[in-house]
Protein backbone atom coordinates (compact mmCIF):
# COMPACT_ATOMS: atom_id res chain seq x y z
CA MET A 1 159.30 71.40 232.01
CA ASP A 2 156.53 73.23 230.12
CA LYS A 3 155.59 71.75 226.78
CA LYS A 4 154.02 72.98 223.58
CA ILE A 5 150.79 71.20 222.75
CA TYR A 6 149.16 70.45 219.41
CA ILE A 7 145.62 69.17 218.92
CA VAL A 8 145.41 66.73 216.02
CA ARG A 9 142.06 65.88 214.44
CA CYS A 10 141.59 62.60 212.66
CA GLY A 11 139.22 63.55 209.84
CA GLU A 12 138.15 60.48 207.86
CA THR A 13 139.59 58.14 210.49
CA ALA A 14 136.97 59.45 212.92
CA LEU A 15 134.19 58.02 210.70
CA LYS A 16 135.29 54.39 210.87
CA GLY A 17 132.64 53.19 213.34
CA ASP A 18 133.66 50.12 215.30
CA ASN A 19 137.08 50.22 213.60
CA LYS A 20 137.76 53.77 214.76
CA PRO A 21 140.03 52.80 217.70
CA TYR A 22 142.21 50.71 215.37
CA PHE A 23 142.65 53.57 212.90
CA GLU A 24 143.35 56.03 215.71
CA ARG A 25 145.99 53.73 217.21
CA MET A 26 147.61 53.41 213.80
CA LEU A 27 147.58 57.19 213.45
CA VAL A 28 149.25 57.62 216.84
CA GLN A 29 151.97 55.18 215.74
CA ARG A 30 152.52 57.05 212.47
CA ILE A 31 152.78 60.42 214.26
CA LYS A 32 155.30 59.00 216.73
CA LYS A 33 157.36 57.61 213.87
CA ALA A 34 157.19 60.80 211.79
CA ALA A 35 158.38 62.91 214.73
CA SER A 36 160.65 60.32 216.34
CA ASP A 37 163.64 62.65 216.19
CA ILE A 38 161.98 65.05 218.64
CA GLN A 39 163.36 64.29 222.11
CA GLY A 40 160.63 64.33 224.76
CA LEU A 41 157.79 63.85 222.27
CA GLU A 42 154.48 62.71 223.80
CA VAL A 43 151.50 61.51 221.77
CA GLU A 44 148.23 60.40 223.33
CA ARG A 45 144.73 59.64 222.10
CA VAL A 46 141.85 61.04 224.16
CA ASP A 47 138.17 60.86 223.19
CA GLY A 48 138.60 61.16 219.43
CA LEU A 49 141.44 63.69 219.48
CA ILE A 50 145.18 63.18 219.48
CA PHE A 51 147.34 65.42 221.65
CA VAL A 52 150.99 65.92 220.72
CA ARG A 53 153.36 67.52 223.20
CA THR A 54 156.91 68.69 222.53
CA PRO A 55 159.50 70.56 224.61
CA GLU A 56 159.22 74.35 224.47
CA ASP A 57 162.50 74.68 222.55
CA VAL A 58 161.27 72.62 219.58
CA PRO A 59 160.31 75.05 216.76
CA GLU A 60 156.60 75.02 216.04
CA GLU A 61 157.06 74.94 212.27
CA ASP A 62 159.23 71.81 212.48
CA THR A 63 156.57 69.99 214.48
CA LEU A 64 153.75 71.12 212.18
CA LYS A 65 155.69 69.99 209.10
CA LYS A 66 156.32 66.52 210.53
CA ILE A 67 152.76 65.97 211.75
CA GLY A 68 151.22 67.53 208.64
CA ARG A 69 152.81 64.90 206.39
CA VAL A 70 151.19 62.03 208.28
CA PHE A 71 148.28 60.59 206.33
CA GLY A 72 145.16 60.43 208.47
CA VAL A 73 145.81 63.84 210.05
CA ASP A 74 143.07 66.25 208.97
CA THR A 75 143.87 69.46 210.88
CA ILE A 76 146.37 70.57 213.52
CA SER A 77 146.05 73.34 216.08
CA PRO A 78 148.91 74.71 218.18
CA ALA A 79 147.06 75.26 221.47
CA LYS A 80 147.32 76.45 225.05
CA GLU A 81 146.30 74.01 227.78
CA ILE A 82 144.58 75.14 230.99
CA ASN A 83 144.09 72.90 234.00
CA ILE A 84 140.54 73.53 235.31
CA GLU A 85 140.32 70.55 237.63
CA GLY A 86 138.29 71.43 240.74
CA LEU A 87 137.18 74.82 239.41
CA THR A 88 133.52 75.84 239.18
CA GLY A 89 132.07 77.01 235.88
CA GLU A 90 132.75 80.75 236.30
CA ASP A 91 136.13 80.18 237.93
CA ALA A 92 137.10 77.84 235.10
CA LEU A 93 136.22 80.50 232.53
CA THR A 94 138.28 83.05 234.46
CA ALA A 95 141.26 80.68 234.33
CA ILE A 96 140.75 80.18 230.60
CA GLY A 97 140.52 83.95 230.14
CA GLN A 98 143.90 84.42 231.85
CA VAL A 99 145.39 82.47 228.92
CA ALA A 100 143.08 83.69 226.15
CA VAL A 101 143.56 87.42 226.76
CA PRO A 102 147.40 87.39 226.47
CA MET A 103 147.02 85.22 223.35
CA MET A 104 144.71 87.81 221.77
CA LEU A 105 146.98 90.69 222.81
CA GLU A 106 149.84 88.95 221.05
CA LEU A 107 147.70 88.56 217.91
CA ILE A 108 146.83 92.25 218.04
CA GLU A 109 150.52 93.08 218.11
CA LYS A 110 151.67 90.54 215.50
CA LYS A 111 148.74 90.49 213.06
CA GLY A 112 146.94 93.73 213.77
CA ILE A 113 143.58 92.04 214.35
CA LYS A 114 140.66 94.28 215.19
CA THR A 115 137.70 91.93 215.28
CA PHE A 116 137.18 88.45 216.67
CA LYS A 117 134.69 85.69 217.25
CA ILE A 118 134.66 83.00 219.94
CA GLU A 119 133.74 79.44 218.97
CA ALA A 120 133.23 77.27 222.04
CA LYS A 121 132.75 73.55 222.47
CA ARG A 122 131.79 71.83 225.70
CA ALA A 123 133.14 68.31 225.21
CA ASP A 124 132.53 67.50 228.90
CA LYS A 125 128.76 67.64 229.39
CA ALA A 126 129.26 67.69 233.15
CA PHE A 127 130.63 71.22 232.83
CA PRO A 128 127.79 73.43 234.09
CA ILE A 129 127.93 76.10 231.34
CA GLU A 130 126.75 75.20 227.84
CA SER A 131 128.70 76.01 224.67
CA PRO A 132 126.77 79.15 223.58
CA GLN A 133 127.09 80.64 227.08
CA ILE A 134 130.81 79.77 227.18
CA ALA A 135 131.26 81.67 223.90
CA ARG A 136 129.39 84.74 225.19
CA LYS A 137 131.16 84.82 228.55
CA MET A 138 134.59 84.29 226.99
CA GLY A 139 133.82 87.04 224.48
CA ALA A 140 133.09 89.41 227.36
CA ILE A 141 136.36 88.45 229.08
CA VAL A 142 138.36 89.08 225.90
CA LEU A 143 136.63 92.42 225.25
CA LYS A 144 137.44 93.54 228.79
CA GLY A 145 141.09 92.52 228.46
CA CYS A 146 141.58 93.71 224.86
CA LYS A 147 139.77 97.02 224.60
CA VAL A 148 140.78 97.68 220.97
CA LEU A 149 138.88 94.60 219.80
CA SER A 150 135.25 94.27 218.77
CA VAL A 151 133.11 91.24 218.03
CA ASP A 152 132.28 90.30 214.43
CA VAL A 153 130.44 86.99 214.16
CA HIS A 154 130.26 87.08 210.35
CA ASN A 155 133.72 88.06 209.10
CA PRO A 156 136.16 88.29 212.02
CA ASP A 157 139.88 88.91 211.68
CA CYS A 158 140.43 86.10 214.17
CA GLN A 159 138.47 83.14 215.47
CA LEU A 160 139.38 82.02 218.96
CA PHE A 161 138.42 78.44 219.72
CA VAL A 162 137.69 77.31 223.27
CA ASN A 163 137.42 73.59 223.92
CA VAL A 164 136.35 72.58 227.43
CA ARG A 165 137.07 68.95 228.29
CA ARG A 166 137.24 66.93 231.48
CA ASN A 167 139.59 68.77 233.89
CA MET A 168 141.30 70.56 230.99
CA ALA A 169 140.49 73.35 228.56
CA TYR A 170 142.25 74.35 225.35
CA VAL A 171 142.37 77.62 223.44
CA TYR A 172 143.72 78.09 219.92
CA GLU A 173 143.20 80.32 216.91
CA ARG A 174 144.28 78.16 213.97
CA LYS A 175 143.17 74.93 212.33
CA ILE A 176 145.97 74.08 209.93
CA GLN A 177 144.86 71.81 207.10
CA ALA A 178 146.87 68.63 206.57
CA PHE A 179 146.52 65.93 203.88
CA GLY A 180 143.85 63.82 205.58
CA GLY A 181 143.37 60.34 204.16
CA LEU A 182 144.08 57.15 206.09
CA PRO A 183 147.10 56.11 208.18
CA LEU A 184 149.80 54.15 206.38
CA GLY A 185 149.47 50.42 206.86
CA THR A 186 145.68 50.33 207.10
CA ASN A 187 145.22 49.26 203.46
CA GLY A 188 147.93 46.76 202.65
CA LYS A 189 150.80 47.23 200.22
CA GLY A 190 150.98 48.12 196.53
CA MET A 191 153.72 48.33 193.93
CA VAL A 192 154.03 51.44 191.79
CA LEU A 193 155.66 51.45 188.36
CA LEU A 194 157.88 54.42 189.16
CA SER A 195 159.38 56.40 186.29
CA GLY A 196 161.22 59.70 186.43
CA GLY A 197 158.20 61.62 185.15
CA ILE A 198 155.55 63.74 186.82
CA ASP A 199 152.70 61.23 187.01
CA SER A 200 153.87 58.06 188.74
CA PRO A 201 155.22 59.78 191.89
CA VAL A 202 151.85 61.50 192.27
CA ALA A 203 150.07 58.15 191.82
CA ALA A 204 152.26 56.63 194.55
CA PHE A 205 151.48 59.55 196.85
CA MET A 206 147.74 59.23 196.29
CA MET A 207 147.63 55.52 197.05
CA ALA A 208 149.74 56.05 200.18
CA HIS A 209 147.21 58.75 201.09
CA ARG A 210 144.62 55.95 201.19
CA GLY A 211 146.68 54.03 203.75
CA MET A 212 148.74 51.81 201.44
CA TYR A 213 152.42 51.00 201.94
CA ILE A 214 154.31 51.54 198.69
CA ASP A 215 157.07 49.54 197.02
CA ALA A 216 158.28 50.39 193.51
CA VAL A 217 159.60 48.82 190.34
CA HIS A 218 161.63 51.01 187.99
CA PHE A 219 162.49 50.14 184.40
CA HIS A 220 165.51 51.63 182.64
CA SER A 221 167.27 51.02 179.32
CA TYR A 222 170.92 51.48 180.25
CA PRO A 223 173.09 52.55 178.44
CA TYR A 224 170.40 54.39 176.43
CA THR A 225 169.24 55.87 179.71
CA SER A 226 171.87 57.41 181.96
CA GLU A 227 172.98 56.86 185.53
CA ARG A 228 171.74 60.37 186.21
CA ALA A 229 168.24 59.30 185.16
CA TRP A 230 168.40 56.53 187.77
CA GLU A 231 169.61 59.01 190.40
CA LYS A 232 166.64 61.20 189.53
CA VAL A 233 164.25 58.33 190.28
CA GLN A 234 165.96 57.78 193.63
CA ASP A 235 165.62 61.50 194.36
CA LEU A 236 161.89 61.27 193.64
CA ALA A 237 161.56 58.24 195.89
CA ARG A 238 163.41 60.08 198.64
CA ILE A 239 160.87 62.91 198.47
CA LEU A 240 158.00 60.41 198.52
CA THR A 241 159.36 58.71 201.63
CA LEU A 242 158.57 61.86 203.59
CA TYR A 243 154.96 60.74 203.17
CA THR A 244 155.17 56.99 202.49
CA GLY A 245 157.95 55.93 204.82
CA ARG A 246 160.67 53.57 203.60
CA MET A 247 160.41 52.59 199.95
CA ARG A 248 162.03 49.62 198.23
CA ILE A 249 162.76 50.02 194.51
CA PHE A 250 163.34 47.04 192.24
CA SER A 251 165.36 48.31 189.27
CA ILE A 252 165.23 46.36 185.99
CA ASN A 253 167.00 46.86 182.67
CA LEU A 254 164.28 46.59 180.03
CA LEU A 255 166.66 46.95 177.07
CA PRO A 256 166.94 43.22 176.19
CA ILE A 257 163.15 43.01 175.92
CA GLN A 258 162.88 46.21 173.92
CA GLU A 259 165.50 44.96 171.45
CA GLN A 260 163.62 41.69 170.96
CA ILE A 261 160.35 43.54 170.33
CA VAL A 262 161.96 45.91 167.81
CA GLN A 263 163.56 42.99 165.94
CA ASN A 264 160.51 40.72 165.84
CA CYS A 265 157.31 42.74 166.08
CA PRO A 266 155.49 45.49 164.11
CA GLU A 267 156.90 48.93 164.83
CA ASP A 268 153.56 50.57 165.63
CA GLU A 269 152.93 47.99 168.37
CA THR A 270 156.24 48.58 170.17
CA THR A 271 154.84 50.87 172.86
CA ILE A 272 151.93 48.63 173.86
CA LEU A 273 154.07 45.48 173.76
CA VAL A 274 156.72 47.06 175.98
CA ARG A 275 153.99 48.22 178.33
CA ARG A 276 152.58 44.69 178.60
CA PHE A 277 156.01 43.30 179.44
CA MET A 278 156.52 45.97 182.09
CA ILE A 279 153.25 45.18 183.79
CA LYS A 280 153.85 41.42 183.61
CA ILE A 281 157.26 41.80 185.22
CA ALA A 282 155.83 44.14 187.85
CA GLU A 283 153.09 41.62 188.62
CA ARG A 284 155.65 38.84 189.11
CA ILE A 285 157.66 40.94 191.58
CA ALA A 286 154.55 42.29 193.31
CA ARG A 287 153.23 38.81 194.04
CA ARG A 288 156.61 37.68 195.30
CA GLU A 289 156.79 40.69 197.62
CA GLU A 290 153.18 40.26 198.78
CA CYS A 291 151.88 43.44 197.19
CA MET A 292 148.13 43.42 196.65
CA MET A 293 148.02 45.49 193.48
CA LEU A 294 149.98 47.47 190.91
CA ILE A 295 149.84 51.26 190.73
CA THR A 296 150.48 53.35 187.64
CA GLY A 297 150.39 57.05 186.81
CA GLU A 298 148.31 56.66 183.69
CA SER A 299 145.66 59.23 182.78
CA LEU A 300 143.00 58.37 180.22
CA GLY A 301 143.93 59.57 176.74
CA GLN A 302 147.10 61.38 177.79
CA VAL A 303 149.37 59.45 175.37
CA ALA A 304 148.99 56.63 172.85
CA SER A 305 149.46 53.86 175.43
CA GLN A 306 146.76 55.39 177.66
CA THR A 307 143.74 55.26 175.38
CA ALA A 308 140.83 53.19 176.68
CA GLU A 309 141.62 50.45 174.15
CA ALA A 310 145.31 50.41 175.06
CA LEU A 311 144.58 50.18 178.78
CA VAL A 312 142.24 47.25 178.23
CA VAL A 313 144.91 45.43 176.22
CA THR A 314 147.54 46.25 178.85
CA ASP A 315 145.43 45.00 181.74
CA SER A 316 144.65 41.74 179.96
CA ALA A 317 148.32 40.81 180.40
CA VAL A 318 147.94 40.39 184.19
CA THR A 319 145.49 39.12 186.76
CA ILE A 320 146.55 41.36 189.62
CA PRO A 321 144.46 44.56 190.07
CA VAL A 322 145.93 47.68 188.47
CA MET A 323 145.12 50.91 190.28
CA ARG A 324 145.22 54.19 188.33
CA PRO A 325 144.47 56.99 190.80
CA LEU A 326 145.11 59.69 188.14
CA ILE A 327 142.90 58.15 185.47
CA ALA A 328 140.37 61.04 185.25
CA MET A 329 142.81 63.90 185.91
CA ASP A 330 144.25 66.23 183.33
CA LYS A 331 147.93 67.16 183.26
CA THR A 332 147.42 70.48 185.02
CA GLN A 333 145.73 68.81 187.98
CA ILE A 334 148.52 66.25 188.24
CA MET A 335 151.19 68.96 188.05
CA ASP A 336 149.46 70.92 190.82
CA ILE A 337 149.67 67.92 193.16
CA ALA A 338 153.29 67.29 192.17
CA GLN A 339 154.15 70.85 193.11
CA GLU A 340 152.27 70.58 196.40
CA ILE A 341 154.10 67.41 197.48
CA GLY A 342 157.50 68.60 196.23
CA THR A 343 158.20 66.19 193.36
CA PHE A 344 157.57 68.50 190.41
CA GLU A 345 160.95 70.22 190.14
CA THR A 346 162.75 66.88 190.25
CA SER A 347 160.36 65.25 187.76
CA ILE A 348 160.95 67.89 185.09
CA GLN A 349 164.72 67.46 185.08
CA PRO A 350 165.61 66.52 181.45
CA TYR A 351 166.75 62.92 181.78
CA GLU A 352 165.36 60.23 179.49
CA ASP A 353 163.46 57.19 180.72
CA CYS A 354 162.96 53.80 179.09
CA CYS A 355 159.62 54.77 177.53
CA THR A 356 161.36 57.14 175.10
CA VAL A 357 163.73 54.46 173.77
CA PHE A 358 162.69 52.91 170.40
CA LEU A 359 159.59 55.10 170.37
CA PRO A 360 157.62 54.43 167.14
CA LYS A 361 156.73 57.33 164.86
CA HIS A 362 153.07 56.30 164.72
CA PRO A 363 152.15 54.11 167.70
CA VAL A 364 148.89 52.22 167.51
CA THR A 365 146.24 53.98 169.61
CA LYS A 366 143.45 51.39 169.33
CA PRO A 367 145.26 48.06 169.62
CA LYS A 368 143.44 44.77 169.13
CA LEU A 369 144.24 42.11 171.72
CA GLU A 370 144.36 39.33 169.12
CA ARG A 371 147.00 41.14 167.06
CA ILE A 372 149.07 42.02 170.13
CA GLU A 373 149.01 38.44 171.39
CA LYS A 374 150.01 37.22 167.93
CA SER A 375 152.99 39.57 167.97
CA GLU A 376 153.95 38.32 171.42
CA SER A 377 153.94 34.75 170.08
CA TYR A 378 157.09 35.66 168.12
CA LEU A 379 158.89 36.22 171.44
CA ASP A 380 160.05 34.01 174.29
CA VAL A 381 157.75 35.83 176.70
CA GLU A 382 158.34 33.63 179.76
CA GLY A 383 162.07 33.50 179.24
CA LEU A 384 162.33 37.28 178.89
CA ILE A 385 160.18 37.87 181.98
CA ASN A 386 162.12 35.36 184.07
CA ALA A 387 165.44 36.90 183.05
CA ALA A 388 164.18 40.39 183.89
CA VAL A 389 162.86 39.35 187.31
CA GLU A 390 166.07 37.52 188.18
CA SER A 391 168.15 40.55 187.22
CA ALA A 392 166.18 42.97 189.41
CA GLU A 393 168.36 45.05 191.73
CA LEU A 394 166.93 46.18 195.05
CA THR A 395 167.56 49.67 196.42
CA ILE A 396 166.10 50.76 199.76
CA ILE A 397 165.26 54.45 200.19
CA ASN A 398 164.77 55.68 203.74
CA PRO A 399 163.19 59.00 204.74
CA ALA A 400 165.72 61.79 205.05
């Protein structure tokens, strides 16, 4: 049975030197997993490229969507494959032309192209015709078969790529940009503090983009926060799993801690004290679950708890690294990414999260560590943390 073929380029993975084969193998595994529901799927790695084959009846857009979400994939090209084994140079180009000309005629009909350019690559140096000559000869073949076309090397309506490899050649006219990055599982595991807002899902996405598996801890203040707010967080996680794979969420009711802080500590310190408890609890769970670091969606100066002074005081509460991939972004940049990955519309649904409960009128923006630690001394910090960790409820979100 004939199959559709897609050429997948590895981008950053291709620059990994001696580790390149490992990263490519991981990428092949991730592609197979992402498209595992396609019966008859074939994925192979050949000389720095990955070739994906699917049955002819599998819609192209479905395949592109699945492969395009795999971190480590840089570009994808739906291609035509030509067997040139045993053919001489000129005969091989004639065989390639028998595929390229109908492809260009179809583009003339569908897209109305009038100009084109050939970009050729001779990956097999044993092939007797060099890349520039392949481009010129293939251009002549296309001009002969598509008389309405003309060559424009500067601003063509269409670029036709010809890739000549050992025994096989490939022609294609698109390089579809994917997310790039590194394959999942090549950079350990992190735990994101996942709220229902815009920022933390984007932070989780960006760390997964660097090859990190993601688990999550979510804090709520039920009954001040609703069940619908919790469902919203699960909806966000479900969207993220399209990129991150399975996600485990540890859900914790923060209300008992918030009530103790409100009763015993200065009002203006409530936000930073709550934040320190959240990160301490997250650290405890992260270490237990063998996560290497915490991940937050904080952006420098965005709110009172995200000033430079506040972040320093927050980080002093833990010894585990805290990654903030959004730290230098403004809100517009973060929103753009949220829209691109599909979390934005869910994030802006109007359901409260725990950070809006007991919010002080004038939160301290430049907290002093000594004063914050003194306020914490009025609380049973270890007891509150232990109770919170023991009460954590695990929910597993699988990709749809």
